[in-house]
Amino acid sequence: MKEALRKLFSPILNPLEQGEGQFAYQPSHRKILMVIGVLFSMLSAFAIAAAVFAQQWGGLLPGAVFLSVGVVCAVVAFLGSDRAVARLWKSK
């Protein structure tokens, strides 16, 4: 199942997993990415729901941005390699 999801999200994961050399990975970085991914996804759900409820369609744009940030963080945290997590943190 994990390999099928990694293949589905390969456009996000492949650029982050490429490269050679050393990288500084810390397990706490993965945990923080998990939390940030979940928080941004919840924030996007609230923003989109509020925009639809208030019929303010301009509020959908921030919801879409929060959702994309949440999805990228969650995908890298749950499916990415240690190199992808370190590269997202810009750790060398």
PDB file of N, CA and C in Angstrom:
ATOM      1  N   MET A   1       0.820  -1.186   0.000  1.00  0.00           N
ATOM      2  CA  MET A   1       0.000   0.000   0.000  1.00  0.00           C
ATOM      3  C   MET A   1       0.871   1.259   0.000  1.00  0.00           C
ATOM      4  N   LYS A   2       1.943   1.211   0.817  1.00  0.00           N
ATOM      5  CA  LYS A   2       2.813   2.370   0.903  1.00  0.00           C
ATOM      6  C   LYS A   2       3.500   2.637  -0.430  1.00  0.00           C
ATOM      7  N   GLU A   3       3.901   1.584  -1.129  1.00  0.00           N
ATOM      8  CA  GLU A   3       4.565   1.765  -2.421  1.00  0.00           C
ATOM      9  C   GLU A   3       3.607   2.343  -3.453  1.00  0.00           C
ATOM     10  N   ALA A   4       2.342   1.952  -3.401  1.00  0.00           N
ATOM     11  CA  ALA A   4       1.368   2.511  -4.335  1.00  0.00           C
ATOM     12  C   ALA A   4       1.160   4.010  -4.064  1.00  0.00           C
ATOM     13  N   LEU A   5       1.118   4.387  -2.796  1.00  0.00           N
ATOM     14  CA  LEU A   5       0.980   5.802  -2.449  1.00  0.00           C
ATOM     15  C   LEU A   5       2.237   6.585  -2.814  1.00  0.00           C
ATOM     16  N   ARG A   6       3.410   5.981  -2.624  1.00  0.00           N
ATOM     17  CA  ARG A   6       4.657   6.651  -3.009  1.00  0.00           C
ATOM     18  C   ARG A   6       4.692   6.883  -4.514  1.00  0.00           C
ATOM     19  N   LYS A   7       4.182   5.932  -5.285  1.00  0.00           N
ATOM     20  CA  LYS A   7       4.136   6.090  -6.736  1.00  0.00           C
ATOM     21  C   LYS A   7       3.146   7.184  -7.125  1.00  0.00           C
ATOM     22  N   LEU A   8       2.017   7.254  -6.431  1.00  0.00           N
ATOM     23  CA  LEU A   8       1.006   8.272  -6.707  1.00  0.00           C
ATOM     24  C   LEU A   8       1.546   9.671  -6.419  1.00  0.00           C
ATOM     25  N   PHE A   9       2.284   9.817  -5.326  1.00  0.00           N
ATOM     26  CA  PHE A   9       2.809  11.121  -4.922  1.00  0.00           C
ATOM     27  C   PHE A   9       4.269  11.321  -5.351  1.00  0.00           C
ATOM     28  N   SER A  10       4.726  10.575  -6.334  1.00  0.00           N
ATOM     29  CA  SER A  10       6.113  10.702  -6.791  1.00  0.00           C
ATOM     30  C   SER A  10       6.453  12.096  -7.327  1.00  0.00           C
ATOM     31  N   PRO A  11       5.526  12.855  -7.932  1.00  0.00           N
ATOM     32  CA  PRO A  11       5.909  14.218  -8.339  1.00  0.00           C
ATOM     33  C   PRO A  11       6.311  15.106  -7.165  1.00  0.00           C
ATOM     34  N   ILE A  12       5.810  14.830  -5.987  1.00  0.00           N
ATOM     35  CA  ILE A  12       6.184  15.599  -4.803  1.00  0.00           C
ATOM     36  C   ILE A  12       7.465  15.034  -4.192  1.00  0.00           C
ATOM     37  N   LEU A  13       7.566  13.712  -4.128  1.00  0.00           N
ATOM     38  CA  LEU A  13       8.664  13.077  -3.408  1.00  0.00           C
ATOM     39  C   LEU A  13       9.969  13.019  -4.197  1.00  0.00           C
ATOM     40  N   ASN A  14       9.904  12.786  -5.492  1.00  0.00           N
ATOM     41  CA  ASN A  14      11.132  12.599  -6.278  1.00  0.00           C
ATOM     42  C   ASN A  14      12.088  13.788  -6.214  1.00  0.00           C
ATOM     43  N   PRO A  15      11.648  15.031  -6.391  1.00  0.00           N
ATOM     44  CA  PRO A  15      12.611  16.136  -6.306  1.00  0.00           C
ATOM     45  C   PRO A  15      13.263  16.269  -4.929  1.00  0.00           C
ATOM     46  N   LEU A  16      12.554  15.883  -3.882  1.00  0.00           N
ATOM     47  CA  LEU A  16      13.100  15.997  -2.538  1.00  0.00           C
ATOM     48  C   LEU A  16      14.045  14.851  -2.195  1.00  0.00           C
ATOM     49  N   GLU A  17      13.893  13.711  -2.848  1.00  0.00           N
ATOM     50  CA  GLU A  17      14.712  12.543  -2.527  1.00  0.00           C
ATOM     51  C   GLU A  17      15.950  12.431  -3.399  1.00  0.00           C
ATOM     52  N   GLN A  18      16.085  13.275  -4.400  1.00  0.00           N
ATOM     53  CA  GLN A  18      17.258  13.227  -5.266  1.00  0.00           C
ATOM     54  C   GLN A  18      18.442  13.881  -4.577  1.00  0.00           C
ATOM     55  N   GLY A  19      19.614  13.503  -5.018  1.00  0.00           N
ATOM     56  CA  GLY A  19      20.824  14.132  -4.496  1.00  0.00           C
ATOM     57  C   GLY A  19      21.764  13.131  -3.869  1.00  0.00           C
ATOM     58  N   GLU A  20      22.955  13.581  -3.682  1.00  0.00           N
ATOM     59  CA  GLU A  20      24.009  12.763  -3.099  1.00  0.00           C
ATOM     60  C   GLU A  20      24.581  13.500  -1.896  1.00  0.00           C
ATOM     61  N   GLY A  21      25.387  12.795  -1.158  1.00  0.00           N
ATOM     62  CA  GLY A  21      26.065  13.422  -0.041  1.00  0.00           C
ATOM     63  C   GLY A  21      25.318  13.260   1.265  1.00  0.00           C
ATOM     64  N   GLN A  22      25.844  13.944   2.250  1.00  0.00           N
ATOM     65  CA  GLN A  22      25.301  13.834   3.594  1.00  0.00           C
ATOM     66  C   GLN A  22      24.128  14.788   3.781  1.00  0.00           C
ATOM     67  N   PHE A  23      23.296  14.445   4.746  1.00  0.00           N
ATOM     68  CA  PHE A  23      22.188  15.305   5.132  1.00  0.00           C
ATOM     69  C   PHE A  23      21.951  15.120   6.622  1.00  0.00           C
ATOM     70  N   ALA A  24      21.405  16.145   7.236  1.00  0.00           N
ATOM     71  CA  ALA A  24      21.178  16.115   8.685  1.00  0.00           C
ATOM     72  C   ALA A  24      19.702  15.822   8.949  1.00  0.00           C
ATOM     73  N   TYR A  25      19.423  14.583   9.307  1.00  0.00           N
ATOM     74  CA  TYR A  25      18.045  14.172   9.595  1.00  0.00           C
ATOM     75  C   TYR A  25      17.866  13.997  11.091  1.00  0.00           C
ATOM     76  N   GLN A  26      16.758  14.516  11.593  1.00  0.00           N
ATOM     77  CA  GLN A  26      16.398  14.304  12.996  1.00  0.00           C
ATOM     78  C   GLN A  26      14.964  13.795  13.036  1.00  0.00           C
ATOM     79  N   PRO A  27      14.686  12.759  13.825  1.00  0.00           N
ATOM     80  CA  PRO A  27      13.325  12.222  13.885  1.00  0.00           C
ATOM     81  C   PRO A  27      12.281  13.255  14.312  1.00  0.00           C
ATOM     82  N   SER A  28      12.699  14.256  15.080  1.00  0.00           N
ATOM     83  CA  SER A  28      11.740  15.280  15.501  1.00  0.00           C
ATOM     84  C   SER A  28      11.240  16.101  14.319  1.00  0.00           C
ATOM     85  N   HIS A  29      12.060  16.229  13.271  1.00  0.00           N
ATOM     86  CA  HIS A  29      11.620  16.964  12.082  1.00  0.00           C
ATOM     87  C   HIS A  29      10.449  16.268  11.407  1.00  0.00           C
ATOM     88  N   ARG A  30      10.473  14.953  11.368  1.00  0.00           N
ATOM     89  CA  ARG A  30       9.360  14.198  10.771  1.00  0.00           C
ATOM     90  C   ARG A  30       8.096  14.372  11.609  1.00  0.00           C
ATOM     91  N   LYS A  31       8.237  14.339  12.913  1.00  0.00           N
ATOM     92  CA  LYS A  31       7.068  14.503  13.787  1.00  0.00           C
ATOM     93  C   LYS A  31       6.469  15.896  13.644  1.00  0.00           C
ATOM     94  N   ILE A  32       7.329  16.898  13.540  1.00  0.00           N
ATOM     95  CA  ILE A  32       6.842  18.265  13.375  1.00  0.00           C
ATOM     96  C   ILE A  32       6.132  18.411  12.038  1.00  0.00           C
ATOM     97  N   LEU A  33       6.662  17.786  10.981  1.00  0.00           N
ATOM     98  CA  LEU A  33       5.994  17.834   9.682  1.00  0.00           C
ATOM     99  C   LEU A  33       4.619  17.172   9.739  1.00  0.00           C
ATOM    100  N   MET A  34       4.511  16.083  10.491  1.00  0.00           N
ATOM    101  CA  MET A  34       3.211  15.425  10.646  1.00  0.00           C
ATOM    102  C   MET A  34       2.204  16.377  11.290  1.00  0.00           C
ATOM    103  N   VAL A  35       2.639  17.031  12.356  1.00  0.00           N
ATOM    104  CA  VAL A  35       1.747  17.960  13.066  1.00  0.00           C
ATOM    105  C   VAL A  35       1.372  19.144  12.175  1.00  0.00           C
ATOM    106  N   ILE A  36       2.353  19.699  11.473  1.00  0.00           N
ATOM    107  CA  ILE A  36       2.083  20.843  10.598  1.00  0.00           C
ATOM    108  C   ILE A  36       1.138  20.434   9.479  1.00  0.00           C
ATOM    109  N   GLY A  37       1.334  19.249   8.911  1.00  0.00           N
ATOM    110  CA  GLY A  37       0.453  18.774   7.845  1.00  0.00           C
ATOM    111  C   GLY A  37      -0.983  18.635   8.308  1.00  0.00           C
ATOM    112  N   VAL A  38      -1.169  18.063   9.479  1.00  0.00           N
ATOM    113  CA  VAL A  38      -2.526  17.898  10.019  1.00  0.00           C
ATOM    114  C   VAL A  38      -3.140  19.257  10.359  1.00  0.00           C
ATOM    115  N   LEU A  39      -2.365  20.141  10.968  1.00  0.00           N
ATOM    116  CA  LEU A  39      -2.897  21.458  11.340  1.00  0.00           C
ATOM    117  C   LEU A  39      -3.289  22.288  10.116  1.00  0.00           C
ATOM    118  N   PHE A  40      -2.440  22.297   9.090  1.00  0.00           N
ATOM    119  CA  PHE A  40      -2.768  23.050   7.892  1.00  0.00           C
ATOM    120  C   PHE A  40      -3.969  22.449   7.166  1.00  0.00           C
ATOM    121  N   SER A  41      -4.110  21.135   7.186  1.00  0.00           N
ATOM    122  CA  SER A  41      -5.273  20.503   6.566  1.00  0.00           C
ATOM    123  C   SER A  41      -6.554  20.865   7.312  1.00  0.00           C
ATOM    124  N   MET A  42      -6.492  20.872   8.636  1.00  0.00           N
ATOM    125  CA  MET A  42      -7.668  21.277   9.417  1.00  0.00           C
ATOM    126  C   MET A  42      -7.986  22.748   9.188  1.00  0.00           C
ATOM    127  N   LEU A  43      -6.970  23.588   9.139  1.00  0.00           N
ATOM    128  CA  LEU A  43      -7.175  25.010   8.886  1.00  0.00           C
ATOM    129  C   LEU A  43      -7.811  25.224   7.522  1.00  0.00           C
ATOM    130  N   SER A  44      -7.385  24.469   6.527  1.00  0.00           N
ATOM    131  CA  SER A  44      -7.971  24.614   5.198  1.00  0.00           C
ATOM    132  C   SER A  44      -9.432  24.173   5.196  1.00  0.00           C
ATOM    133  N   ALA A  45      -9.744  23.113   5.926  1.00  0.00           N
ATOM    134  CA  ALA A  45     -11.137  22.664   5.995  1.00  0.00           C
ATOM    135  C   ALA A  45     -12.019  23.737   6.623  1.00  0.00           C
ATOM    136  N   PHE A  46     -11.538  24.361   7.696  1.00  0.00           N
ATOM    137  CA  PHE A  46     -12.311  25.430   8.329  1.00  0.00           C
ATOM    138  C   PHE A  46     -12.433  26.638   7.421  1.00  0.00           C
ATOM    139  N   ALA A  47     -11.366  26.998   6.718  1.00  0.00           N
ATOM    140  CA  ALA A  47     -11.398  28.158   5.828  1.00  0.00           C
ATOM    141  C   ALA A  47     -12.351  27.927   4.664  1.00  0.00           C
ATOM    142  N   ILE A  48     -12.307  26.747   4.081  1.00  0.00           N
ATOM    143  CA  ILE A  48     -13.201  26.446   2.960  1.00  0.00           C
ATOM    144  C   ILE A  48     -14.646  26.374   3.429  1.00  0.00           C
ATOM    145  N   ALA A  49     -14.889  25.757   4.589  1.00  0.00           N
ATOM    146  CA  ALA A  49     -16.251  25.675   5.112  1.00  0.00           C
ATOM    147  C   ALA A  49     -16.803  27.062   5.436  1.00  0.00           C
ATOM    148  N   ALA A  50     -15.984  27.925   6.019  1.00  0.00           N
ATOM    149  CA  ALA A  50     -16.429  29.282   6.339  1.00  0.00           C
ATOM    150  C   ALA A  50     -16.704  30.080   5.072  1.00  0.00           C
ATOM    151  N   ALA A  51     -15.884  29.911   4.051  1.00  0.00           N
ATOM    152  CA  ALA A  51     -16.084  30.634   2.793  1.00  0.00           C
ATOM    153  C   ALA A  51     -17.370  30.182   2.111  1.00  0.00           C
ATOM    154  N   VAL A  52     -17.628  28.899   2.128  1.00  0.00           N
ATOM    155  CA  VAL A  52     -18.849  28.392   1.502  1.00  0.00           C
ATOM    156  C   VAL A  52     -20.072  28.819   2.306  1.00  0.00           C
ATOM    157  N   PHE A  53     -19.991  28.722   3.621  1.00  0.00           N
ATOM    158  CA  PHE A  53     -21.119  29.101   4.480  1.00  0.00           C
ATOM    159  C   PHE A  53     -21.456  30.576   4.327  1.00  0.00           C
ATOM    160  N   ALA A  54     -20.439  31.429   4.255  1.00  0.00           N
ATOM    161  CA  ALA A  54     -20.663  32.872   4.136  1.00  0.00           C
ATOM    162  C   ALA A  54     -20.843  33.313   2.685  1.00  0.00           C
ATOM    163  N   GLN A  55     -20.704  32.382   1.754  1.00  0.00           N
ATOM    164  CA  GLN A  55     -20.801  32.668   0.323  1.00  0.00           C
ATOM    165  C   GLN A  55     -19.817  33.755  -0.103  1.00  0.00           C
ATOM    166  N   GLN A  56     -18.640  33.716   0.460  1.00  0.00           N
ATOM    167  CA  GLN A  56     -17.541  34.603   0.094  1.00  0.00           C
ATOM    168  C   GLN A  56     -16.523  33.755  -0.661  1.00  0.00           C
ATOM    169  N   TRP A  57     -16.676  33.696  -1.971  1.00  0.00           N
ATOM    170  CA  TRP A  57     -15.902  32.767  -2.775  1.00  0.00           C
ATOM    171  C   TRP A  57     -14.426  33.133  -2.841  1.00  0.00           C
ATOM    172  N   GLY A  58     -14.083  34.350  -2.502  1.00  0.00           N
ATOM    173  CA  GLY A  58     -12.673  34.726  -2.447  1.00  0.00           C
ATOM    174  C   GLY A  58     -11.933  34.032  -1.317  1.00  0.00           C
ATOM    175  N   GLY A  59     -12.663  33.521  -0.350  1.00  0.00           N
ATOM    176  CA  GLY A  59     -12.051  32.804   0.759  1.00  0.00           C
ATOM    177  C   GLY A  59     -11.607  31.399   0.396  1.00  0.00           C
ATOM    178  N   LEU A  60     -11.948  30.939  -0.805  1.00  0.00           N
ATOM    179  CA  LEU A  60     -11.521  29.607  -1.218  1.00  0.00           C
ATOM    180  C   LEU A  60     -10.033  29.563  -1.560  1.00  0.00           C
ATOM    181  N   LEU A  61      -9.475  30.686  -1.989  1.00  0.00           N
ATOM    182  CA  LEU A  61      -8.060  30.719  -2.340  1.00  0.00           C
ATOM    183  C   LEU A  61      -7.150  30.435  -1.137  1.00  0.00           C
ATOM    184  N   PRO A  62      -7.343  31.108  -0.001  1.00  0.00           N
ATOM    185  CA  PRO A  62      -6.505  30.744   1.162  1.00  0.00           C
ATOM    186  C   PRO A  62      -6.718  29.298   1.599  1.00  0.00           C
ATOM    187  N   GLY A  63      -7.939  28.814   1.482  1.00  0.00           N
ATOM    188  CA  GLY A  63      -8.196  27.415   1.823  1.00  0.00           C
ATOM    189  C   GLY A  63      -7.432  26.462   0.921  1.00  0.00           C
ATOM    190  N   ALA A  64      -7.356  26.793  -0.365  1.00  0.00           N
ATOM    191  CA  ALA A  64      -6.612  25.953  -1.306  1.00  0.00           C
ATOM    192  C   ALA A  64      -5.113  25.997  -1.014  1.00  0.00           C
ATOM    193  N   VAL A  65      -4.607  27.171  -0.657  1.00  0.00           N
ATOM    194  CA  VAL A  65      -3.180  27.293  -0.327  1.00  0.00           C
ATOM    195  C   VAL A  65      -2.859  26.504   0.937  1.00  0.00           C
ATOM    196  N   PHE A  66      -3.683  26.644   1.966  1.00  0.00           N
ATOM    197  CA  PHE A  66      -3.459  25.891   3.202  1.00  0.00           C
ATOM    198  C   PHE A  66      -3.545  24.384   2.946  1.00  0.00           C
ATOM    199  N   LEU A  67      -4.479  23.976   2.089  1.00  0.00           N
ATOM    200  CA  LEU A  67      -4.620  22.560   1.782  1.00  0.00           C
ATOM    201  C   LEU A  67      -3.389  22.025   1.059  1.00  0.00           C
ATOM    202  N   SER A  68      -2.858  22.789   0.117  1.00  0.00           N
ATOM    203  CA  SER A  68      -1.673  22.319  -0.612  1.00  0.00           C
ATOM    204  C   SER A  68      -0.457  22.214   0.316  1.00  0.00           C
ATOM    205  N   VAL A  69      -0.287  23.173   1.211  1.00  0.00           N
ATOM    206  CA  VAL A  69       0.823  23.104   2.175  1.00  0.00           C
ATOM    207  C   VAL A  69       0.638  21.906   3.102  1.00  0.00           C
ATOM    208  N   GLY A  70      -0.579  21.693   3.562  1.00  0.00           N
ATOM    209  CA  GLY A  70      -0.856  20.560   4.444  1.00  0.00           C
ATOM    210  C   GLY A  70      -0.615  19.227   3.774  1.00  0.00           C
ATOM    211  N   VAL A  71      -1.017  19.103   2.509  1.00  0.00           N
ATOM    212  CA  VAL A  71      -0.831  17.845   1.792  1.00  0.00           C
ATOM    213  C   VAL A  71       0.654  17.568   1.558  1.00  0.00           C
ATOM    214  N   VAL A  72       1.413  18.584   1.157  1.00  0.00           N
ATOM    215  CA  VAL A  72       2.847  18.384   0.923  1.00  0.00           C
ATOM    216  C   VAL A  72       3.542  17.971   2.216  1.00  0.00           C
ATOM    217  N   CYS A  73       3.249  18.651   3.310  1.00  0.00           N
ATOM    218  CA  CYS A  73       3.876  18.298   4.590  1.00  0.00           C
ATOM    219  C   CYS A  73       3.490  16.888   5.024  1.00  0.00           C
ATOM    220  N   ALA A  74       2.222  16.531   4.897  1.00  0.00           N
ATOM    221  CA  ALA A  74       1.774  15.205   5.311  1.00  0.00           C
ATOM    222  C   ALA A  74       2.371  14.115   4.429  1.00  0.00           C
ATOM    223  N   VAL A  75       2.433  14.343   3.125  1.00  0.00           N
ATOM    224  CA  VAL A  75       2.989  13.337   2.218  1.00  0.00           C
ATOM    225  C   VAL A  75       4.463  13.102   2.521  1.00  0.00           C
ATOM    226  N   VAL A  76       5.217  14.164   2.702  1.00  0.00           N
ATOM    227  CA  VAL A  76       6.647  14.003   2.997  1.00  0.00           C
ATOM    228  C   VAL A  76       6.834  13.354   4.368  1.00  0.00           C
ATOM    229  N   ALA A  77       6.024  13.737   5.340  1.00  0.00           N
ATOM    230  CA  ALA A  77       6.174  13.183   6.684  1.00  0.00           C
ATOM    231  C   ALA A  77       5.826  11.700   6.737  1.00  0.00           C
ATOM    232  N   PHE A  78       4.763  11.295   6.070  1.00  0.00           N
ATOM    233  CA  PHE A  78       4.301   9.920   6.178  1.00  0.00           C
ATOM    234  C   PHE A  78       4.923   8.989   5.135  1.00  0.00           C
ATOM    235  N   LEU A  79       5.273   9.501   3.957  1.00  0.00           N
ATOM    236  CA  LEU A  79       5.747   8.645   2.883  1.00  0.00           C
ATOM    237  C   LEU A  79       7.192   8.902   2.466  1.00  0.00           C
ATOM    238  N   GLY A  80       7.724  10.062   2.806  1.00  0.00           N
ATOM    239  CA  GLY A  80       9.045  10.446   2.326  1.00  0.00           C
ATOM    240  C   GLY A  80      10.179   9.763   3.067  1.00  0.00           C
ATOM    241  N   SER A  81      11.318   9.740   2.403  1.00  0.00           N
ATOM    242  CA  SER A  81      12.520   9.176   3.018  1.00  0.00           C
ATOM    243  C   SER A  81      13.126  10.201   3.978  1.00  0.00           C
ATOM    244  N   ASP A  82      14.147   9.760   4.689  1.00  0.00           N
ATOM    245  CA  ASP A  82      14.839  10.665   5.606  1.00  0.00           C
ATOM    246  C   ASP A  82      15.459  11.833   4.844  1.00  0.00           C
ATOM    247  N   ARG A  83      15.971  11.573   3.642  1.00  0.00           N
ATOM    248  CA  ARG A  83      16.564  12.628   2.814  1.00  0.00           C
ATOM    249  C   ARG A  83      15.502  13.668   2.431  1.00  0.00           C
ATOM    250  N   ALA A  84      14.285  13.218   2.104  1.00  0.00           N
ATOM    251  CA  ALA A  84      13.219  14.151   1.723  1.00  0.00           C
ATOM    252  C   ALA A  84      12.846  15.051   2.893  1.00  0.00           C
ATOM    253  N   VAL A  85      12.772  14.481   4.078  1.00  0.00           N
ATOM    254  CA  VAL A  85      12.445  15.283   5.262  1.00  0.00           C
ATOM    255  C   VAL A  85      13.541  16.306   5.528  1.00  0.00           C
ATOM    256  N   ALA A  86      14.789  15.867   5.459  1.00  0.00           N
ATOM    257  CA  ALA A  86      15.909  16.784   5.701  1.00  0.00           C
ATOM    258  C   ALA A  86      15.964  17.865   4.631  1.00  0.00           C
ATOM    259  N   ARG A  87      15.671  17.502   3.398  1.00  0.00           N
ATOM    260  CA  ARG A  87      15.734  18.496   2.321  1.00  0.00           C
ATOM    261  C   ARG A  87      14.602  19.494   2.433  1.00  0.00           C
ATOM    262  N   LEU A  88      13.435  19.064   2.901  1.00  0.00           N
ATOM    263  CA  LEU A  88      12.340  19.996   3.110  1.00  0.00           C
ATOM    264  C   LEU A  88      12.685  20.992   4.221  1.00  0.00           C
ATOM    265  N   TRP A  89      13.459  20.536   5.198  1.00  0.00           N
ATOM    266  CA  TRP A  89      13.914  21.397   6.284  1.00  0.00           C
ATOM    267  C   TRP A  89      15.160  22.185   5.893  1.00  0.00           C
ATOM    268  N   LYS A  90      15.704  21.916   4.712  1.00  0.00           N
ATOM    269  CA  LYS A  90      16.941  22.560   4.226  1.00  0.00           C
ATOM    270  C   LYS A  90      18.119  22.233   5.137  1.00  0.00           C
ATOM    271  N   SER A  91      18.129  21.018   5.674  1.00  0.00           N
ATOM    272  CA  SER A  91      19.226  20.586   6.552  1.00  0.00           C
ATOM    273  C   SER A  91      20.301  19.913   5.727  1.00  0.00           C
ATOM    274  N   LYS A  92      21.522  20.390   5.895  1.00  0.00           N
ATOM    275  CA  LYS A  92      22.651  19.790   5.176  1.00  0.00           C
ATOM    276  C   LYS A  92      23.701  19.350   6.151  1.00  0.00           C
TER     277      LYS A  92
END
